[in-house]
PDB file of N, CA and C in Angstrom:
ATOM      1  N   MET A   1       5.799 -18.577  -4.457  1.00  0.00           N
ATOM      2  CA  MET A   1       4.576 -18.349  -5.187  1.00  0.00           C
ATOM      3  C   MET A   1       4.796 -17.211  -6.177  1.00  0.00           C
ATOM      4  N   LYS A   2       4.432 -17.439  -7.411  1.00  0.00           N
ATOM      5  CA  LYS A   2       4.548 -16.406  -8.435  1.00  0.00           C
ATOM      6  C   LYS A   2       3.157 -15.868  -8.738  1.00  0.00           C
ATOM      7  N   THR A   3       3.102 -14.571  -8.975  1.00  0.00           N
ATOM      8  CA  THR A   3       1.842 -13.905  -9.272  1.00  0.00           C
ATOM      9  C   THR A   3       2.051 -12.983 -10.460  1.00  0.00           C
ATOM     10  N   GLN A   4       1.077 -12.929 -11.349  1.00  0.00           N
ATOM     11  CA  GLN A   4       1.116 -11.962 -12.434  1.00  0.00           C
ATOM     12  C   GLN A   4       0.903 -10.574 -11.840  1.00  0.00           C
ATOM     13  N   ILE A   5       1.656  -9.593 -12.314  1.00  0.00           N
ATOM     14  CA  ILE A   5       1.515  -8.230 -11.794  1.00  0.00           C
ATOM     15  C   ILE A   5       0.094  -7.727 -11.970  1.00  0.00           C
ATOM     16  N   THR A   6      -0.522  -8.043 -13.096  1.00  0.00           N
ATOM     17  CA  THR A   6      -1.874  -7.544 -13.347  1.00  0.00           C
ATOM     18  C   THR A   6      -2.893  -8.087 -12.349  1.00  0.00           C
ATOM     19  N   GLU A   7      -2.594  -9.208 -11.709  1.00  0.00           N
ATOM     20  CA  GLU A   7      -3.493  -9.761 -10.695  1.00  0.00           C
ATOM     21  C   GLU A   7      -3.519  -8.911  -9.436  1.00  0.00           C
ATOM     22  N   LEU A   8      -2.517  -8.043  -9.261  1.00  0.00           N
ATOM     23  CA  LEU A   8      -2.449  -7.182  -8.077  1.00  0.00           C
ATOM     24  C   LEU A   8      -3.329  -5.942  -8.218  1.00  0.00           C
ATOM     25  N   PHE A   9      -3.648  -5.554  -9.444  1.00  0.00           N
ATOM     26  CA  PHE A   9      -4.435  -4.340  -9.656  1.00  0.00           C
ATOM     27  C   PHE A   9      -5.810  -4.487  -9.022  1.00  0.00           C
ATOM     28  N   GLY A  10      -6.179  -3.496  -8.207  1.00  0.00           N
ATOM     29  CA  GLY A  10      -7.475  -3.510  -7.545  1.00  0.00           C
ATOM     30  C   GLY A  10      -7.494  -4.220  -6.204  1.00  0.00           C
ATOM     31  N   VAL A  11      -6.378  -4.847  -5.824  1.00  0.00           N
ATOM     32  CA  VAL A  11      -6.315  -5.564  -4.548  1.00  0.00           C
ATOM     33  C   VAL A  11      -6.212  -4.541  -3.407  1.00  0.00           C
ATOM     34  N   GLU A  12      -6.958  -4.777  -2.325  1.00  0.00           N
ATOM     35  CA  GLU A  12      -6.951  -3.900  -1.156  1.00  0.00           C
ATOM     36  C   GLU A  12      -5.626  -4.034  -0.404  1.00  0.00           C
ATOM     37  N   VAL A  13      -5.133  -2.905   0.122  1.00  0.00           N
ATOM     38  CA  VAL A  13      -3.898  -2.877   0.902  1.00  0.00           C
ATOM     39  C   VAL A  13      -4.245  -2.479   2.331  1.00  0.00           C
ATOM     40  N   TYR A  14      -3.786  -3.291   3.282  1.00  0.00           N
ATOM     41  CA  TYR A  14      -4.002  -3.052   4.715  1.00  0.00           C
ATOM     42  C   TYR A  14      -2.666  -3.124   5.432  1.00  0.00           C
ATOM     43  N   THR A  15      -2.592  -2.468   6.593  1.00  0.00           N
ATOM     44  CA  THR A  15      -1.413  -2.630   7.438  1.00  0.00           C
ATOM     45  C   THR A  15      -1.612  -3.871   8.298  1.00  0.00           C
ATOM     46  N   ASP A  16      -0.549  -4.297   8.954  1.00  0.00           N
ATOM     47  CA  ASP A  16      -0.657  -5.456   9.838  1.00  0.00           C
ATOM     48  C   ASP A  16      -1.396  -5.130  11.130  1.00  0.00           C
ATOM     49  N   LYS A  17      -1.866  -3.879  11.266  1.00  0.00           N
ATOM     50  CA  LYS A  17      -2.723  -3.484  12.390  1.00  0.00           C
ATOM     51  C   LYS A  17      -4.163  -3.292  11.902  1.00  0.00           C
ATOM     52  N   ALA A  18      -4.479  -3.838  10.736  1.00  0.00           N
ATOM     53  CA  ALA A  18      -5.828  -3.837  10.158  1.00  0.00           C
ATOM     54  C   ALA A  18      -6.350  -2.455   9.775  1.00  0.00           C
ATOM     55  N   VAL A  19      -5.443  -1.559   9.352  1.00  0.00           N
ATOM     56  CA  VAL A  19      -5.840  -0.245   8.864  1.00  0.00           C
ATOM     57  C   VAL A  19      -5.811  -0.286   7.335  1.00  0.00           C
ATOM     58  N   ARG A  20      -6.952   0.057   6.720  1.00  0.00           N
ATOM     59  CA  ARG A  20      -7.023   0.067   5.257  1.00  0.00           C
ATOM     60  C   ARG A  20      -6.219   1.244   4.719  1.00  0.00           C
ATOM     61  N   VAL A  21      -5.352   0.973   3.740  1.00  0.00           N
ATOM     62  CA  VAL A  21      -4.541   2.013   3.123  1.00  0.00           C
ATOM     63  C   VAL A  21      -5.177   2.450   1.810  1.00  0.00           C
ATOM     64  N   GLY A  22      -5.541   1.504   0.943  1.00  0.00           N
ATOM     65  CA  GLY A  22      -6.134   1.819  -0.355  1.00  0.00           C
ATOM     66  C   GLY A  22      -6.132   0.591  -1.237  1.00  0.00           C
ATOM     67  N   THR A  23      -6.143   0.820  -2.555  1.00  0.00           N
ATOM     68  CA  THR A  23      -6.123  -0.289  -3.511  1.00  0.00           C
ATOM     69  C   THR A  23      -4.970  -0.095  -4.498  1.00  0.00           C
ATOM     70  N   VAL A  24      -4.451  -1.196  -4.988  1.00  0.00           N
ATOM     71  CA  VAL A  24      -3.320  -1.158  -5.920  1.00  0.00           C
ATOM     72  C   VAL A  24      -3.796  -0.650  -7.281  1.00  0.00           C
ATOM     73  N   ASP A  25      -3.119   0.408  -7.767  1.00  0.00           N
ATOM     74  CA  ASP A  25      -3.404   0.961  -9.095  1.00  0.00           C
ATOM     75  C   ASP A  25      -2.386   0.513 -10.128  1.00  0.00           C
ATOM     76  N   ASP A  26      -1.141   0.330  -9.685  1.00  0.00           N
ATOM     77  CA  ASP A  26      -0.076   0.033 -10.640  1.00  0.00           C
ATOM     78  C   ASP A  26       1.124  -0.544  -9.897  1.00  0.00           C
ATOM     79  N   ALA A  27       2.081  -1.053 -10.654  1.00  0.00           N
ATOM     80  CA  ALA A  27       3.329  -1.557 -10.089  1.00  0.00           C
ATOM     81  C   ALA A  27       4.482  -0.787 -10.712  1.00  0.00           C
ATOM     82  N   ILE A  28       5.478  -0.476  -9.902  1.00  0.00           N
ATOM     83  CA  ILE A  28       6.661   0.238 -10.369  1.00  0.00           C
ATOM     84  C   ILE A  28       7.794  -0.769 -10.437  1.00  0.00           C
ATOM     85  N   LEU A  29       8.334  -0.974 -11.638  1.00  0.00           N
ATOM     86  CA  LEU A  29       9.333  -2.001 -11.867  1.00  0.00           C
ATOM     87  C   LEU A  29      10.723  -1.401 -12.008  1.00  0.00           C
ATOM     88  N   ASN A  30      11.722  -2.148 -11.545  1.00  0.00           N
ATOM     89  CA  ASN A  30      13.120  -1.796 -11.770  1.00  0.00           C
ATOM     90  C   ASN A  30      13.582  -2.655 -12.936  1.00  0.00           C
ATOM     91  N   ILE A  31      13.799  -2.027 -14.075  1.00  0.00           N
ATOM     92  CA  ILE A  31      14.157  -2.757 -15.292  1.00  0.00           C
ATOM     93  C   ILE A  31      15.494  -3.466 -15.144  1.00  0.00           C
ATOM     94  N   ASP A  32      16.458  -2.828 -14.456  1.00  0.00           N
ATOM     95  CA  ASP A  32      17.793  -3.414 -14.317  1.00  0.00           C
ATOM     96  C   ASP A  32      17.775  -4.708 -13.506  1.00  0.00           C
ATOM     97  N   THR A  33      17.040  -4.702 -12.373  1.00  0.00           N
ATOM     98  CA  THR A  33      17.015  -5.888 -11.514  1.00  0.00           C
ATOM     99  C   THR A  33      15.866  -6.836 -11.855  1.00  0.00           C
ATOM    100  N   LYS A  34      14.955  -6.368 -12.716  1.00  0.00           N
ATOM    101  CA  LYS A  34      13.790  -7.170 -13.123  1.00  0.00           C
ATOM    102  C   LYS A  34      12.925  -7.559 -11.926  1.00  0.00           C
ATOM    103  N   LYS A  35      12.763  -6.588 -11.007  1.00  0.00           N
ATOM    104  CA  LYS A  35      11.962  -6.805  -9.801  1.00  0.00           C
ATOM    105  C   LYS A  35      11.000  -5.640  -9.597  1.00  0.00           C
ATOM    106  N   VAL A  36       9.977  -5.877  -8.781  1.00  0.00           N
ATOM    107  CA  VAL A  36       9.033  -4.831  -8.419  1.00  0.00           C
ATOM    108  C   VAL A  36       9.674  -3.966  -7.340  1.00  0.00           C
ATOM    109  N   ASP A  37       9.723  -2.643  -7.573  1.00  0.00           N
ATOM    110  CA  ASP A  37      10.272  -1.714  -6.579  1.00  0.00           C
ATOM    111  C   ASP A  37       9.206  -1.245  -5.605  1.00  0.00           C
ATOM    112  N   ALA A  38       8.001  -0.987  -6.125  1.00  0.00           N
ATOM    113  CA  ALA A  38       6.932  -0.434  -5.284  1.00  0.00           C
ATOM    114  C   ALA A  38       5.590  -0.689  -5.945  1.00  0.00           C
ATOM    115  N   LEU A  39       4.542  -0.517  -5.154  1.00  0.00           N
ATOM    116  CA  LEU A  39       3.183  -0.561  -5.677  1.00  0.00           C
ATOM    117  C   LEU A  39       2.593   0.838  -5.569  1.00  0.00           C
ATOM    118  N   ALA A  40       1.918   1.274  -6.614  1.00  0.00           N
ATOM    119  CA  ALA A  40       1.211   2.551  -6.588  1.00  0.00           C
ATOM    120  C   ALA A  40      -0.179   2.273  -6.034  1.00  0.00           C
ATOM    121  N   VAL A  41      -0.510   2.921  -4.926  1.00  0.00           N
ATOM    122  CA  VAL A  41      -1.774   2.675  -4.235  1.00  0.00           C
ATOM    123  C   VAL A  41      -2.634   3.934  -4.314  1.00  0.00           C
ATOM    124  N   GLY A  42      -3.861   3.770  -4.764  1.00  0.00           N
ATOM    125  CA  GLY A  42      -4.818   4.869  -4.854  1.00  0.00           C
ATOM    126  C   GLY A  42      -6.034   4.571  -4.013  1.00  0.00           C
ATOM    127  N   ASP A  43      -7.104   5.337  -4.218  1.00  0.00           N
ATOM    128  CA  ASP A  43      -8.333   5.200  -3.424  1.00  0.00           C
ATOM    129  C   ASP A  43      -7.968   5.148  -1.943  1.00  0.00           C
ATOM    130  N   LEU A  44      -7.172   6.153  -1.530  1.00  0.00           N
ATOM    131  CA  LEU A  44      -6.609   6.155  -0.181  1.00  0.00           C
ATOM    132  C   LEU A  44      -7.655   6.325   0.907  1.00  0.00           C
ATOM    133  N   ASN A  45      -7.377   5.726   2.038  1.00  0.00           N
ATOM    134  CA  ASN A  45      -8.178   5.876   3.235  1.00  0.00           C
ATOM    135  C   ASN A  45      -8.105   7.346   3.665  1.00  0.00           C
ATOM    136  N   PRO A  46      -9.244   8.040   3.763  1.00  0.00           N
ATOM    137  CA  PRO A  46      -9.222   9.462   4.128  1.00  0.00           C
ATOM    138  C   PRO A  46      -8.716   9.723   5.544  1.00  0.00           C
ATOM    139  N   GLU A  47      -8.604   8.689   6.354  1.00  0.00           N
ATOM    140  CA  GLU A  47      -8.104   8.843   7.723  1.00  0.00           C
ATOM    141  C   GLU A  47      -6.586   8.988   7.785  1.00  0.00           C
ATOM    142  N   LEU A  48      -5.907   8.789   6.669  1.00  0.00           N
ATOM    143  CA  LEU A  48      -4.448   8.898   6.659  1.00  0.00           C
ATOM    144  C   LEU A  48      -4.070  10.373   6.646  1.00  0.00           C
ATOM    145  N   VAL A  49      -3.626  10.875   7.765  1.00  0.00           N
ATOM    146  CA  VAL A  49      -3.357  12.307   7.934  1.00  0.00           C
ATOM    147  C   VAL A  49      -2.322  12.832   6.957  1.00  0.00           C
ATOM    148  N   GLN A  50      -1.186  12.182   6.861  1.00  0.00           N
ATOM    149  CA  GLN A  50      -0.113  12.696   6.017  1.00  0.00           C
ATOM    150  C   GLN A  50      -0.416  12.557   4.534  1.00  0.00           C
ATOM    151  N   MET A  51      -1.495  11.904   4.201  1.00  0.00           N
ATOM    152  CA  MET A  51      -1.809  11.671   2.798  1.00  0.00           C
ATOM    153  C   MET A  51      -2.858  12.639   2.252  1.00  0.00           C
ATOM    154  N   LYS A  52      -3.387  13.524   3.076  1.00  0.00           N
ATOM    155  CA  LYS A  52      -4.432  14.432   2.620  1.00  0.00           C
ATOM    156  C   LYS A  52      -3.935  15.249   1.438  1.00  0.00           C
ATOM    157  N   GLY A  53      -4.778  15.359   0.424  1.00  0.00           N
ATOM    158  CA  GLY A  53      -4.425  16.113  -0.766  1.00  0.00           C
ATOM    159  C   GLY A  53      -3.734  15.278  -1.830  1.00  0.00           C
ATOM    160  N   PHE A  54      -3.363  14.063  -1.506  1.00  0.00           N
ATOM    161  CA  PHE A  54      -2.717  13.180  -2.471  1.00  0.00           C
ATOM    162  C   PHE A  54      -3.738  12.188  -3.015  1.00  0.00           C
ATOM    163  N   THR A  55      -3.587  11.816  -4.274  1.00  0.00           N
ATOM    164  CA  THR A  55      -4.489  10.822  -4.850  1.00  0.00           C
ATOM    165  C   THR A  55      -3.898   9.425  -4.767  1.00  0.00           C
ATOM    166  N   GLY A  56      -2.613   9.330  -4.433  1.00  0.00           N
ATOM    167  CA  GLY A  56      -1.988   8.025  -4.332  1.00  0.00           C
ATOM    168  C   GLY A  56      -0.637   8.102  -3.655  1.00  0.00           C
ATOM    169  N   ILE A  57      -0.119   6.928  -3.315  1.00  0.00           N
ATOM    170  CA  ILE A  57       1.197   6.825  -2.698  1.00  0.00           C
ATOM    171  C   ILE A  57       1.946   5.652  -3.318  1.00  0.00           C
ATOM    172  N   LYS A  58       3.269   5.653  -3.142  1.00  0.00           N
ATOM    173  CA  LYS A  58       4.081   4.510  -3.523  1.00  0.00           C
ATOM    174  C   LYS A  58       4.389   3.725  -2.261  1.00  0.00           C
ATOM    175  N   VAL A  59       4.071   2.454  -2.271  1.00  0.00           N
ATOM    176  CA  VAL A  59       4.381   1.575  -1.150  1.00  0.00           C
ATOM    177  C   VAL A  59       5.596   0.742  -1.548  1.00  0.00           C
ATOM    178  N   PRO A  60       6.740   0.965  -0.886  1.00  0.00           N
ATOM    179  CA  PRO A  60       7.938   0.188  -1.227  1.00  0.00           C
ATOM    180  C   PRO A  60       7.687  -1.309  -1.053  1.00  0.00           C
ATOM    181  N   TYR A  61       8.152  -2.076  -2.005  1.00  0.00           N
ATOM    182  CA  TYR A  61       7.924  -3.517  -1.966  1.00  0.00           C
ATOM    183  C   TYR A  61       8.525  -4.160  -0.728  1.00  0.00           C
ATOM    184  N   ARG A  62       9.582  -3.580  -0.189  1.00  0.00           N
ATOM    185  CA  ARG A  62      10.256  -4.167   0.974  1.00  0.00           C
ATOM    186  C   ARG A  62       9.405  -4.145   2.239  1.00  0.00           C
ATOM    187  N   ILE A  63       8.353  -3.300   2.305  1.00  0.00           N
ATOM    188  CA  ILE A  63       7.511  -3.275   3.509  1.00  0.00           C
ATOM    189  C   ILE A  63       6.275  -4.162   3.372  1.00  0.00           C
ATOM    190  N   ILE A  64       6.153  -4.832   2.230  1.00  0.00           N
ATOM    191  CA  ILE A  64       5.029  -5.751   2.045  1.00  0.00           C
ATOM    192  C   ILE A  64       5.326  -7.038   2.805  1.00  0.00           C
ATOM    193  N   LYS A  65       4.378  -7.418   3.656  1.00  0.00           N
ATOM    194  CA  LYS A  65       4.542  -8.632   4.452  1.00  0.00           C
ATOM    195  C   LYS A  65       3.900  -9.840   3.787  1.00  0.00           C
ATOM    196  N   SER A  66       2.766  -9.618   3.097  1.00  0.00           N
ATOM    197  CA  SER A  66       2.023 -10.738   2.545  1.00  0.00           C
ATOM    198  C   SER A  66       1.168 -10.279   1.363  1.00  0.00           C
ATOM    199  N   ILE A  67       1.072 -11.155   0.355  1.00  0.00           N
ATOM    200  CA  ILE A  67       0.202 -10.900  -0.788  1.00  0.00           C
ATOM    201  C   ILE A  67      -0.696 -12.113  -0.953  1.00  0.00           C
ATOM    202  N   GLY A  68      -1.990 -11.863  -0.972  1.00  0.00           N
ATOM    203  CA  GLY A  68      -2.981 -12.917  -1.165  1.00  0.00           C
ATOM    204  C   GLY A  68      -4.263 -12.275  -1.647  1.00  0.00           C
ATOM    205  N   ASP A  69      -5.370 -12.570  -0.968  1.00  0.00           N
ATOM    206  CA  ASP A  69      -6.640 -11.913  -1.302  1.00  0.00           C
ATOM    207  C   ASP A  69      -6.556 -10.421  -1.008  1.00  0.00           C
ATOM    208  N   ILE A  70      -5.716 -10.054  -0.046  1.00  0.00           N
ATOM    209  CA  ILE A  70      -5.383  -8.662   0.249  1.00  0.00           C
ATOM    210  C   ILE A  70      -3.865  -8.576   0.362  1.00  0.00           C
ATOM    211  N   ILE A  71      -3.351  -7.344   0.393  1.00  0.00           N
ATOM    212  CA  ILE A  71      -1.918  -7.137   0.596  1.00  0.00           C
ATOM    213  C   ILE A  71      -1.739  -6.538   1.976  1.00  0.00           C
ATOM    214  N   ILE A  72      -0.825  -7.100   2.739  1.00  0.00           N
ATOM    215  CA  ILE A  72      -0.554  -6.616   4.096  1.00  0.00           C
ATOM    216  C   ILE A  72       0.838  -5.997   4.117  1.00  0.00           C
ATOM    217  N   ILE A  73       0.901  -4.751   4.623  1.00  0.00           N
ATOM    218  CA  ILE A  73       2.177  -4.055   4.747  1.00  0.00           C
ATOM    219  C   ILE A  73       2.461  -3.789   6.219  1.00  0.00           C
ATOM    220  N   ARG A  74       3.710  -3.452   6.517  1.00  0.00           N
ATOM    221  CA  ARG A  74       4.059  -3.083   7.892  1.00  0.00           C
ATOM    222  C   ARG A  74       3.359  -1.785   8.265  1.00  0.00           C
ATOM    223  N   HIS A  75       2.916  -1.698   9.498  1.00  0.00           N
ATOM    224  CA  HIS A  75       2.232  -0.524  10.013  1.00  0.00           C
ATOM    225  C   HIS A  75       3.260   0.480  10.519  1.00  0.00           C
ATOM    226  N   PHE A  76       3.123   1.725  10.104  1.00  0.00           N
ATOM    227  CA  PHE A  76       3.983   2.799  10.587  1.00  0.00           C
ATOM    228  C   PHE A  76       3.125   3.781  11.354  1.00  0.00           C
ATOM    229  N   THR A  77       3.393   3.915  12.639  1.00  0.00           N
ATOM    230  CA  THR A  77       2.590   4.755  13.515  1.00  0.00           C
ATOM    231  C   THR A  77       2.509   6.195  13.023  1.00  0.00           C
ATOM    232  N   ASN A  78       3.608   6.765  12.542  1.00  0.00           N
ATOM    233  CA  ASN A  78       3.596   8.162  12.117  1.00  0.00           C
ATOM    234  C   ASN A  78       2.798   8.401  10.840  1.00  0.00           C
ATOM    235  N   MET A  79       2.320   7.336  10.210  1.00  0.00           N
ATOM    236  CA  MET A  79       1.525   7.460   9.004  1.00  0.00           C
ATOM    237  C   MET A  79       0.052   7.731   9.330  1.00  0.00           C
ATOM    238  N   PHE A  80      -0.331   7.478  10.561  1.00  0.00           N
ATOM    239  CA  PHE A  80      -1.732   7.539  10.941  1.00  0.00           C
ATOM    240  C   PHE A  80      -1.973   8.564  12.025  1.00  0.00           C
ATOM    241  N   PRO A  81      -3.203   9.106  12.100  1.00  0.00           N
ATOM    242  CA  PRO A  81      -3.496  10.133  13.101  1.00  0.00           C
ATOM    243  C   PRO A  81      -3.449   9.588  14.521  1.00  0.00           C
ATOM    244  N   LYS A  82      -3.103  10.453  15.436  1.00  0.00           N
ATOM    245  CA  LYS A  82      -3.152  10.070  16.841  1.00  0.00           C
ATOM    246  C   LYS A  82      -4.605  10.189  17.307  1.00  0.00           C
ATOM    247  N   ASN A  83      -5.000   9.318  18.232  1.00  0.00           N
ATOM    248  CA  ASN A  83      -6.365   9.382  18.767  1.00  0.00           C
ATOM    249  C   ASN A  83      -6.517  10.637  19.592  1.00  0.00           C
ATOM    250  N   GLU A  84      -7.383  11.509  19.149  1.00  0.00           N
ATOM    251  CA  GLU A  84      -7.635  12.754  19.870  1.00  0.00           C
ATOM    252  C   GLU A  84      -9.098  12.846  20.216  1.00  0.00           C
ATOM    253  N   SER A  85      -9.419  13.389  21.371  1.00  0.00           N
ATOM    254  CA  SER A  85     -10.809  13.586  21.749  1.00  0.00           C
ATOM    255  C   SER A  85     -11.334  14.807  21.025  1.00  0.00           C
ATOM    256  N   LYS A  86     -12.563  14.723  20.571  1.00  0.00           N
ATOM    257  CA  LYS A  86     -13.179  15.852  19.880  1.00  0.00           C
ATOM    258  C   LYS A  86     -14.053  16.636  20.796  1.00  0.00           C
TER     259      LYS A  86
END
């Protein structure tokens, strides 16, 4: 399946554990290989601990599992807060 890069802008990004990461702002291309290297994701989920203070992140294309109405990436446990009692 081929998709125009511009069709990805604004698409929601979730992990395969159903955690919202953010929305696609841009695509980072490798001119030499003519492939997408990463997606720039903004409007980040405020629950992402390691992302506090950042307005966006680069999601490597290799961790993307699926692209459709939403984008699904592999879930990384260390990216998210541990459940703590308040």
